[in-house]
């Protein structure tokens, strides 16, 4: 799932929550769900979550929480800021 957040300073951040691409492991064999924040082609943050690959609604909820925090200014676009959300069971 990819969503976009507009930070209070006007920067655009792409928020990805899902199973990452790995050229060495087929997607069907992966169960790791990541959160990645990107802006202008640069990776700002990347963390693993406690979610399983089949937890679609939970991944959408996590993405909404991150976007809301980024847009509201309560979250910085850093791994340290988003990691507590990524580690939270849903």
PDB file of N, CA and C in Angstrom:
ATOM      1  N   UNK A   1       0.845  -1.154   0.000  1.00  0.00           N
ATOM      2  CA  UNK A   1       0.000   0.000   0.000  1.00  0.00           C
ATOM      3  C   UNK A   1       0.896   1.224   0.000  1.00  0.00           C
ATOM      4  N   UNK A   2       0.623   2.141  -0.895  1.00  0.00           N
ATOM      5  CA  UNK A   2       1.339   3.403  -0.985  1.00  0.00           C
ATOM      6  C   UNK A   2       0.358   4.545  -0.780  1.00  0.00           C
ATOM      7  N   UNK A   3       0.693   5.443   0.113  1.00  0.00           N
ATOM      8  CA  UNK A   3      -0.090   6.655   0.333  1.00  0.00           C
ATOM      9  C   UNK A   3       0.875   7.822   0.430  1.00  0.00           C
ATOM     10  N   UNK A   4       0.340   9.015   0.285  1.00  0.00           N
ATOM     11  CA  UNK A   4       1.163  10.215   0.294  1.00  0.00           C
ATOM     12  C   UNK A   4       0.760  11.111   1.448  1.00  0.00           C
ATOM     13  N   UNK A   5       1.767  11.707   2.083  1.00  0.00           N
ATOM     14  CA  UNK A   5       1.539  12.669   3.156  1.00  0.00           C
ATOM     15  C   UNK A   5       2.208  13.983   2.779  1.00  0.00           C
ATOM     16  N   UNK A   6       1.554  15.078   3.120  1.00  0.00           N
ATOM     17  CA  UNK A   6       2.148  16.398   2.943  1.00  0.00           C
ATOM     18  C   UNK A   6       2.522  16.917   4.324  1.00  0.00           C
ATOM     19  N   UNK A   7       3.818  17.104   4.538  1.00  0.00           N
ATOM     20  CA  UNK A   7       4.305  17.561   5.828  1.00  0.00           C
ATOM     21  C   UNK A   7       3.944  19.031   6.039  1.00  0.00           C
ATOM     22  N   UNK A   8       3.925  19.483   7.288  1.00  0.00           N
ATOM     23  CA  UNK A   8       3.610  20.891   7.559  1.00  0.00           C
ATOM     24  C   UNK A   8       4.524  21.869   6.817  1.00  0.00           C
ATOM     25  N   UNK A   9       5.760  21.449   6.508  1.00  0.00           N
ATOM     26  CA  UNK A   9       6.670  22.340   5.773  1.00  0.00           C
ATOM     27  C   UNK A   9       6.486  22.263   4.259  1.00  0.00           C
ATOM     28  N   UNK A  10       5.498  21.469   3.809  1.00  0.00           N
ATOM     29  CA  UNK A  10       5.182  21.376   2.385  1.00  0.00           C
ATOM     30  C   UNK A  10       5.830  20.214   1.664  1.00  0.00           C
ATOM     31  N   UNK A  11       6.761  19.524   2.301  1.00  0.00           N
ATOM     32  CA  UNK A  11       7.387  18.373   1.646  1.00  0.00           C
ATOM     33  C   UNK A  11       6.376  17.250   1.473  1.00  0.00           C
ATOM     34  N   UNK A  12       6.539  16.510   0.390  1.00  0.00           N
ATOM     35  CA  UNK A  12       5.693  15.353   0.099  1.00  0.00           C
ATOM     36  C   UNK A  12       6.470  14.099   0.479  1.00  0.00           C
ATOM     37  N   UNK A  13       5.821  13.223   1.243  1.00  0.00           N
ATOM     38  CA  UNK A  13       6.441  11.969   1.662  1.00  0.00           C
ATOM     39  C   UNK A  13       5.547  10.818   1.223  1.00  0.00           C
ATOM     40  N   UNK A  14       6.132   9.868   0.523  1.00  0.00           N
ATOM     41  CA  UNK A  14       5.427   8.645   0.142  1.00  0.00           C
ATOM     42  C   UNK A  14       5.586   7.639   1.275  1.00  0.00           C
ATOM     43  N   UNK A  15       4.474   7.074   1.713  1.00  0.00           N
ATOM     44  CA  UNK A  15       4.461   6.098   2.802  1.00  0.00           C
ATOM     45  C   UNK A  15       4.084   4.744   2.200  1.00  0.00           C
ATOM     46  N   UNK A  16       4.990   3.790   2.316  1.00  0.00           N
ATOM     47  CA  UNK A  16       4.746   2.430   1.833  1.00  0.00           C
ATOM     48  C   UNK A  16       4.642   1.518   3.045  1.00  0.00           C
ATOM     49  N   UNK A  17       3.585   0.742   3.105  1.00  0.00           N
ATOM     50  CA  UNK A  17       3.434  -0.295   4.130  1.00  0.00           C
ATOM     51  C   UNK A  17       3.117  -1.583   3.377  1.00  0.00           C
ATOM     52  N   UNK A  18       4.009  -2.549   3.455  1.00  0.00           N
ATOM     53  CA  UNK A  18       3.773  -3.798   2.756  1.00  0.00           C
ATOM     54  C   UNK A  18       4.997  -4.684   2.730  1.00  0.00           C
ATOM     55  N   UNK A  19       4.887  -5.769   1.973  1.00  0.00           N
ATOM     56  CA  UNK A  19       5.986  -6.710   1.809  1.00  0.00           C
ATOM     57  C   UNK A  19       6.966  -6.106   0.803  1.00  0.00           C
ATOM     58  N   UNK A  20       8.210  -5.918   1.208  1.00  0.00           N
ATOM     59  CA  UNK A  20       9.180  -5.284   0.305  1.00  0.00           C
ATOM     60  C   UNK A  20       9.591  -6.212  -0.831  1.00  0.00           C
ATOM     61  N   UNK A  21      10.078  -5.613  -1.902  1.00  0.00           N
ATOM     62  CA  UNK A  21      10.631  -6.396  -3.005  1.00  0.00           C
ATOM     63  C   UNK A  21      12.017  -6.882  -2.608  1.00  0.00           C
ATOM     64  N   UNK A  22      12.270  -8.145  -2.843  1.00  0.00           N
ATOM     65  CA  UNK A  22      13.583  -8.727  -2.584  1.00  0.00           C
ATOM     66  C   UNK A  22      13.902  -9.642  -3.757  1.00  0.00           C
ATOM     67  N   UNK A  23      14.939  -9.321  -4.502  1.00  0.00           N
ATOM     68  CA  UNK A  23      15.234 -10.124  -5.690  1.00  0.00           C
ATOM     69  C   UNK A  23      15.645 -11.559  -5.373  1.00  0.00           C
ATOM     70  N   UNK A  24      15.984 -11.832  -4.114  1.00  0.00           N
ATOM     71  CA  UNK A  24      16.463 -13.161  -3.751  1.00  0.00           C
ATOM     72  C   UNK A  24      15.379 -14.057  -3.154  1.00  0.00           C
ATOM     73  N   UNK A  25      14.278 -13.456  -2.711  1.00  0.00           N
ATOM     74  CA  UNK A  25      13.218 -14.235  -2.068  1.00  0.00           C
ATOM     75  C   UNK A  25      11.902 -13.959  -2.782  1.00  0.00           C
ATOM     76  N   UNK A  26      11.218 -14.993  -3.269  1.00  0.00           N
ATOM     77  CA  UNK A  26       9.912 -14.776  -3.910  1.00  0.00           C
ATOM     78  C   UNK A  26       8.930 -14.149  -2.921  1.00  0.00           C
ATOM     79  N   UNK A  27       8.122 -13.212  -3.408  1.00  0.00           N
ATOM     80  CA  UNK A  27       7.170 -12.506  -2.549  1.00  0.00           C
ATOM     81  C   UNK A  27       6.255 -13.464  -1.787  1.00  0.00           C
ATOM     82  N   UNK A  28       5.878 -14.565  -2.422  1.00  0.00           N
ATOM     83  CA  UNK A  28       4.981 -15.524  -1.778  1.00  0.00           C
ATOM     84  C   UNK A  28       5.622 -16.160  -0.545  1.00  0.00           C
ATOM     85  N   UNK A  29       6.945 -16.131  -0.463  1.00  0.00           N
ATOM     86  CA  UNK A  29       7.651 -16.721   0.670  1.00  0.00           C
ATOM     87  C   UNK A  29       7.997 -15.705   1.757  1.00  0.00           C
ATOM     88  N   UNK A  30       7.677 -14.445   1.508  1.00  0.00           N
ATOM     89  CA  UNK A  30       8.008 -13.389   2.477  1.00  0.00           C
ATOM     90  C   UNK A  30       6.812 -13.125   3.385  1.00  0.00           C
ATOM     91  N   UNK A  31       7.083 -12.909   4.647  1.00  0.00           N
ATOM     92  CA  UNK A  31       6.024 -12.572   5.590  1.00  0.00           C
ATOM     93  C   UNK A  31       6.368 -11.290   6.354  1.00  0.00           C
ATOM     94  N   UNK A  32       7.448 -10.639   5.958  1.00  0.00           N
ATOM     95  CA  UNK A  32       7.877  -9.410   6.607  1.00  0.00           C
ATOM     96  C   UNK A  32       7.148  -8.227   5.993  1.00  0.00           C
ATOM     97  N   UNK A  33       6.595  -7.377   6.853  1.00  0.00           N
ATOM     98  CA  UNK A  33       5.932  -6.158   6.400  1.00  0.00           C
ATOM     99  C   UNK A  33       6.776  -4.978   6.861  1.00  0.00           C
ATOM    100  N   UNK A  34       7.123  -4.125   5.927  1.00  0.00           N
ATOM    101  CA  UNK A  34       7.950  -2.949   6.199  1.00  0.00           C
ATOM    102  C   UNK A  34       7.146  -1.673   6.085  1.00  0.00           C
ATOM    103  N   UNK A  35       7.680  -0.636   6.704  1.00  0.00           N
ATOM    104  CA  UNK A  35       7.224   0.734   6.466  1.00  0.00           C
ATOM    105  C   UNK A  35       8.417   1.468   5.879  1.00  0.00           C
ATOM    106  N   UNK A  36       8.200   2.132   4.755  1.00  0.00           N
ATOM    107  CA  UNK A  36       9.243   2.950   4.152  1.00  0.00           C
ATOM    108  C   UNK A  36       8.683   4.340   3.893  1.00  0.00           C
ATOM    109  N   UNK A  37       9.477   5.337   4.235  1.00  0.00           N
ATOM    110  CA  UNK A  37       9.137   6.724   3.940  1.00  0.00           C
ATOM    111  C   UNK A  37      10.139   7.227   2.914  1.00  0.00           C
ATOM    112  N   UNK A  38       9.627   7.801   1.828  1.00  0.00           N
ATOM    113  CA  UNK A  38      10.493   8.323   0.762  1.00  0.00           C
ATOM    114  C   UNK A  38      10.056   9.734   0.388  1.00  0.00           C
ATOM    115  N   UNK A  39      11.038  10.520   0.023  1.00  0.00           N
ATOM    116  CA  UNK A  39      10.751  11.873  -0.466  1.00  0.00           C
ATOM    117  C   UNK A  39      11.769  12.214  -1.538  1.00  0.00           C
ATOM    118  N   UNK A  40      11.279  12.572  -2.706  1.00  0.00           N
ATOM    119  CA  UNK A  40      12.170  12.924  -3.799  1.00  0.00           C
ATOM    120  C   UNK A  40      13.132  11.816  -4.183  1.00  0.00           C
ATOM    121  N   UNK A  41      12.692  10.569  -4.110  1.00  0.00           N
ATOM    122  CA  UNK A  41      13.537   9.444  -4.468  1.00  0.00           C
ATOM    123  C   UNK A  41      14.492   9.010  -3.370  1.00  0.00           C
ATOM    124  N   UNK A  42      14.521   9.729  -2.269  1.00  0.00           N
ATOM    125  CA  UNK A  42      15.407   9.412  -1.152  1.00  0.00           C
ATOM    126  C   UNK A  42      14.637   8.669  -0.061  1.00  0.00           C
ATOM    127  N   UNK A  43      15.231   7.613   0.463  1.00  0.00           N
ATOM    128  CA  UNK A  43      14.626   6.891   1.576  1.00  0.00           C
ATOM    129  C   UNK A  43      14.917   7.676   2.856  1.00  0.00           C
ATOM    130  N   UNK A  44      13.842   8.105   3.520  1.00  0.00           N
ATOM    131  CA  UNK A  44      13.982   8.845   4.772  1.00  0.00           C
ATOM    132  C   UNK A  44      14.007   7.901   5.967  1.00  0.00           C
ATOM    133  N   UNK A  45      13.251   6.807   5.876  1.00  0.00           N
ATOM    134  CA  UNK A  45      13.150   5.854   6.980  1.00  0.00           C
ATOM    135  C   UNK A  45      12.653   4.519   6.459  1.00  0.00           C
ATOM    136  N   UNK A  46      13.101   3.449   7.108  1.00  0.00           N
ATOM    137  CA  UNK A  46      12.624   2.105   6.789  1.00  0.00           C
ATOM    138  C   UNK A  46      12.699   1.267   8.062  1.00  0.00           C
ATOM    139  N   UNK A  47      11.566   0.675   8.434  1.00  0.00           N
ATOM    140  CA  UNK A  47      11.512  -0.182   9.623  1.00  0.00           C
ATOM    141  C   UNK A  47      10.643  -1.396   9.327  1.00  0.00           C
ATOM    142  N   UNK A  48      10.931  -2.495  10.014  1.00  0.00           N
ATOM    143  CA  UNK A  48      10.072  -3.667   9.970  1.00  0.00           C
ATOM    144  C   UNK A  48       8.924  -3.463  10.940  1.00  0.00           C
ATOM    145  N   UNK A  49       7.809  -4.122  10.663  1.00  0.00           N
ATOM    146  CA  UNK A  49       6.647  -4.048  11.542  1.00  0.00           C
ATOM    147  C   UNK A  49       6.409  -5.407  12.189  1.00  0.00           C
ATOM    148  N   UNK A  50       5.462  -5.442  13.092  1.00  0.00           N
ATOM    149  CA  UNK A  50       5.044  -6.708  13.710  1.00  0.00           C
ATOM    150  C   UNK A  50       3.903  -7.350  12.928  1.00  0.00           C
ATOM    151  N   UNK A  51       3.500  -6.732  11.826  1.00  0.00           N
ATOM    152  CA  UNK A  51       2.394  -7.242  11.022  1.00  0.00           C
ATOM    153  C   UNK A  51       2.820  -8.442  10.191  1.00  0.00           C
ATOM    154  N   UNK A  52       1.857  -9.302   9.898  1.00  0.00           N
ATOM    155  CA  UNK A  52       2.062 -10.398   8.960  1.00  0.00           C
ATOM    156  C   UNK A  52       1.595  -9.948   7.582  1.00  0.00           C
ATOM    157  N   UNK A  53       2.071 -10.622   6.563  1.00  0.00           N
ATOM    158  CA  UNK A  53       1.768 -10.227   5.182  1.00  0.00           C
ATOM    159  C   UNK A  53       0.278 -10.251   4.862  1.00  0.00           C
ATOM    160  N   UNK A  54      -0.512 -11.061   5.570  1.00  0.00           N
ATOM    161  CA  UNK A  54      -1.940 -11.155   5.274  1.00  0.00           C
ATOM    162  C   UNK A  54      -2.788 -10.157   6.074  1.00  0.00           C
ATOM    163  N   UNK A  55      -2.192  -9.272   6.817  1.00  0.00           N
ATOM    164  CA  UNK A  55      -2.930  -8.314   7.639  1.00  0.00           C
ATOM    165  C   UNK A  55      -3.139  -7.003   6.870  1.00  0.00           C
ATOM    166  N   UNK A  56      -3.978  -7.063   5.844  1.00  0.00           N
ATOM    167  CA  UNK A  56      -4.213  -5.906   4.982  1.00  0.00           C
ATOM    168  C   UNK A  56      -4.888  -4.742   5.700  1.00  0.00           C
ATOM    169  N   UNK A  57      -5.951  -5.014   6.449  1.00  0.00           N
ATOM    170  CA  UNK A  57      -6.655  -3.915   7.111  1.00  0.00           C
ATOM    171  C   UNK A  57      -5.774  -3.281   8.180  1.00  0.00           C
ATOM    172  N   UNK A  58      -4.962  -4.076   8.853  1.00  0.00           N
ATOM    173  CA  UNK A  58      -4.049  -3.546   9.858  1.00  0.00           C
ATOM    174  C   UNK A  58      -2.961  -2.687   9.207  1.00  0.00           C
ATOM    175  N   UNK A  59      -2.502  -3.100   8.021  1.00  0.00           N
ATOM    176  CA  UNK A  59      -1.506  -2.315   7.286  1.00  0.00           C
ATOM    177  C   UNK A  59      -2.101  -0.972   6.852  1.00  0.00           C
ATOM    178  N   UNK A  60      -3.350  -0.991   6.406  1.00  0.00           N
ATOM    179  CA  UNK A  60      -4.013   0.272   6.037  1.00  0.00           C
ATOM    180  C   UNK A  60      -4.157   1.181   7.254  1.00  0.00           C
ATOM    181  N   UNK A  61      -4.516   0.596   8.392  1.00  0.00           N
ATOM    182  CA  UNK A  61      -4.652   1.376   9.623  1.00  0.00           C
ATOM    183  C   UNK A  61      -3.310   2.001  10.016  1.00  0.00           C
ATOM    184  N   UNK A  62      -2.237   1.230   9.940  1.00  0.00           N
ATOM    185  CA  UNK A  62      -0.908   1.738  10.260  1.00  0.00           C
ATOM    186  C   UNK A  62      -0.535   2.883   9.320  1.00  0.00           C
ATOM    187  N   UNK A  63      -0.791   2.713   8.036  1.00  0.00           N
ATOM    188  CA  UNK A  63      -0.479   3.770   7.069  1.00  0.00           C
ATOM    189  C   UNK A  63      -1.258   5.046   7.387  1.00  0.00           C
ATOM    190  N   UNK A  64      -2.546   4.905   7.734  1.00  0.00           N
ATOM    191  CA  UNK A  64      -3.351   6.091   8.097  1.00  0.00           C
ATOM    192  C   UNK A  64      -2.800   6.790   9.328  1.00  0.00           C
ATOM    193  N   UNK A  65      -2.375   6.010  10.319  1.00  0.00           N
ATOM    194  CA  UNK A  65      -1.819   6.595  11.535  1.00  0.00           C
ATOM    195  C   UNK A  65      -0.535   7.354  11.243  1.00  0.00           C
ATOM    196  N   UNK A  66       0.313   6.778  10.411  1.00  0.00           N
ATOM    197  CA  UNK A  66       1.572   7.434  10.066  1.00  0.00           C
ATOM    198  C   UNK A  66       1.315   8.700   9.264  1.00  0.00           C
ATOM    199  N   UNK A  67       0.444   8.627   8.268  1.00  0.00           N
ATOM    200  CA  UNK A  67       0.128   9.813   7.465  1.00  0.00           C
ATOM    201  C   UNK A  67      -0.461  10.909   8.349  1.00  0.00           C
ATOM    202  N   UNK A  68      -1.375  10.544   9.230  1.00  0.00           N
ATOM    203  CA  UNK A  68      -1.975  11.531  10.128  1.00  0.00           C
ATOM    204  C   UNK A  68      -0.940  12.197  11.010  1.00  0.00           C
ATOM    205  N   UNK A  69      -0.018  11.411  11.554  1.00  0.00           N
ATOM    206  CA  UNK A  69       1.030  11.971  12.397  1.00  0.00           C
ATOM    207  C   UNK A  69       1.991  12.858  11.630  1.00  0.00           C
ATOM    208  N   UNK A  70       2.356  12.428  10.421  1.00  0.00           N
ATOM    209  CA  UNK A  70       3.253  13.237   9.597  1.00  0.00           C
ATOM    210  C   UNK A  70       2.598  14.555   9.206  1.00  0.00           C
ATOM    211  N   UNK A  71       1.358  14.473   8.739  1.00  0.00           N
ATOM    212  CA  UNK A  71       0.667  15.692   8.297  1.00  0.00           C
ATOM    213  C   UNK A  71       0.334  16.614   9.463  1.00  0.00           C
ATOM    214  N   UNK A  72       0.059  16.041  10.622  1.00  0.00           N
ATOM    215  CA  UNK A  72      -0.265  16.850  11.792  1.00  0.00           C
ATOM    216  C   UNK A  72       0.954  17.391  12.513  1.00  0.00           C
ATOM    217  N   UNK A  73       2.131  16.900  12.157  1.00  0.00           N
ATOM    218  CA  UNK A  73       3.351  17.381  12.770  1.00  0.00           C
ATOM    219  C   UNK A  73       3.748  16.660  14.050  1.00  0.00           C
ATOM    220  N   UNK A  74       2.989  15.645  14.469  1.00  0.00           N
ATOM    221  CA  UNK A  74       3.342  14.925  15.690  1.00  0.00           C
ATOM    222  C   UNK A  74       4.390  13.832  15.432  1.00  0.00           C
ATOM    223  N   UNK A  75       4.625  13.485  14.161  1.00  0.00           N
ATOM    224  CA  UNK A  75       5.656  12.515  13.782  1.00  0.00           C
ATOM    225  C   UNK A  75       6.638  13.165  12.823  1.00  0.00           C
ATOM    226  N   UNK A  76       7.904  12.916  13.047  1.00  0.00           N
ATOM    227  CA  UNK A  76       8.942  13.304  12.098  1.00  0.00           C
ATOM    228  C   UNK A  76       9.131  12.150  11.110  1.00  0.00           C
ATOM    229  N   UNK A  77       9.580  12.421   9.908  1.00  0.00           N
ATOM    230  CA  UNK A  77       9.795  11.344   8.932  1.00  0.00           C
ATOM    231  C   UNK A  77      11.124  10.624   9.172  1.00  0.00           C
ATOM    232  N   UNK A  78      11.221   9.994  10.347  1.00  0.00           N
ATOM    233  CA  UNK A  78      12.429   9.267  10.719  1.00  0.00           C
ATOM    234  C   UNK A  78      12.045   7.877  11.219  1.00  0.00           C
ATOM    235  N   UNK A  79      13.018   6.966  11.173  1.00  0.00           N
ATOM    236  CA  UNK A  79      12.776   5.607  11.656  1.00  0.00           C
ATOM    237  C   UNK A  79      12.443   5.619  13.145  1.00  0.00           C
ATOM    238  N   UNK A  80      13.136   6.431  13.908  1.00  0.00           N
ATOM    239  CA  UNK A  80      12.895   6.493  15.336  1.00  0.00           C
ATOM    240  C   UNK A  80      11.495   6.952  15.684  1.00  0.00           C
ATOM    241  N   UNK A  81      10.942   7.828  14.869  1.00  0.00           N
ATOM    242  CA  UNK A  81       9.596   8.348  15.132  1.00  0.00           C
ATOM    243  C   UNK A  81       8.509   7.346  14.763  1.00  0.00           C
ATOM    244  N   UNK A  82       8.695   6.603  13.671  1.00  0.00           N
ATOM    245  CA  UNK A  82       7.634   5.687  13.228  1.00  0.00           C
ATOM    246  C   UNK A  82       7.754   4.284  13.818  1.00  0.00           C
ATOM    247  N   UNK A  83       8.922   3.958  14.354  1.00  0.00           N
ATOM    248  CA  UNK A  83       9.124   2.607  14.878  1.00  0.00           C
ATOM    249  C   UNK A  83       8.143   2.218  15.986  1.00  0.00           C
ATOM    250  N   UNK A  84       7.817   3.098  16.939  1.00  0.00           N
ATOM    251  CA  UNK A  84       6.828   2.695  17.957  1.00  0.00           C
ATOM    252  C   UNK A  84       5.475   2.307  17.359  1.00  0.00           C
ATOM    253  N   UNK A  85       5.052   2.983  16.308  1.00  0.00           N
ATOM    254  CA  UNK A  85       3.801   2.618  15.643  1.00  0.00           C
ATOM    255  C   UNK A  85       3.941   1.281  14.933  1.00  0.00           C
ATOM    256  N   UNK A  86       5.075   1.046  14.298  1.00  0.00           N
ATOM    257  CA  UNK A  86       5.307  -0.200  13.565  1.00  0.00           C
ATOM    258  C   UNK A  86       5.389  -1.409  14.508  1.00  0.00           C
ATOM    259  N   UNK A  87       5.763  -1.166  15.756  1.00  0.00           N
ATOM    260  CA  UNK A  87       5.911  -2.245  16.731  1.00  0.00           C
ATOM    261  C   UNK A  87       4.630  -2.516  17.515  1.00  0.00           C
ATOM    262  N   UNK A  88       3.589  -1.768  17.231  1.00  0.00           N
ATOM    263  CA  UNK A  88       2.323  -1.880  17.974  1.00  0.00           C
ATOM    264  C   UNK A  88       1.405  -2.936  17.337  1.00  0.00           C
ATOM    265  N   UNK A  89       0.943  -3.874  18.157  1.00  0.00           N
ATOM    266  CA  UNK A  89      -0.002  -4.871  17.648  1.00  0.00           C
ATOM    267  C   UNK A  89      -1.341  -4.214  17.347  1.00  0.00           C
ATOM    268  N   UNK A  90      -1.999  -4.666  16.286  1.00  0.00           N
ATOM    269  CA  UNK A  90      -3.313  -4.139  15.912  1.00  0.00           C
ATOM    270  C   UNK A  90      -4.299  -5.257  15.856  1.00  0.00           C
TER     271      UNK A  90
END
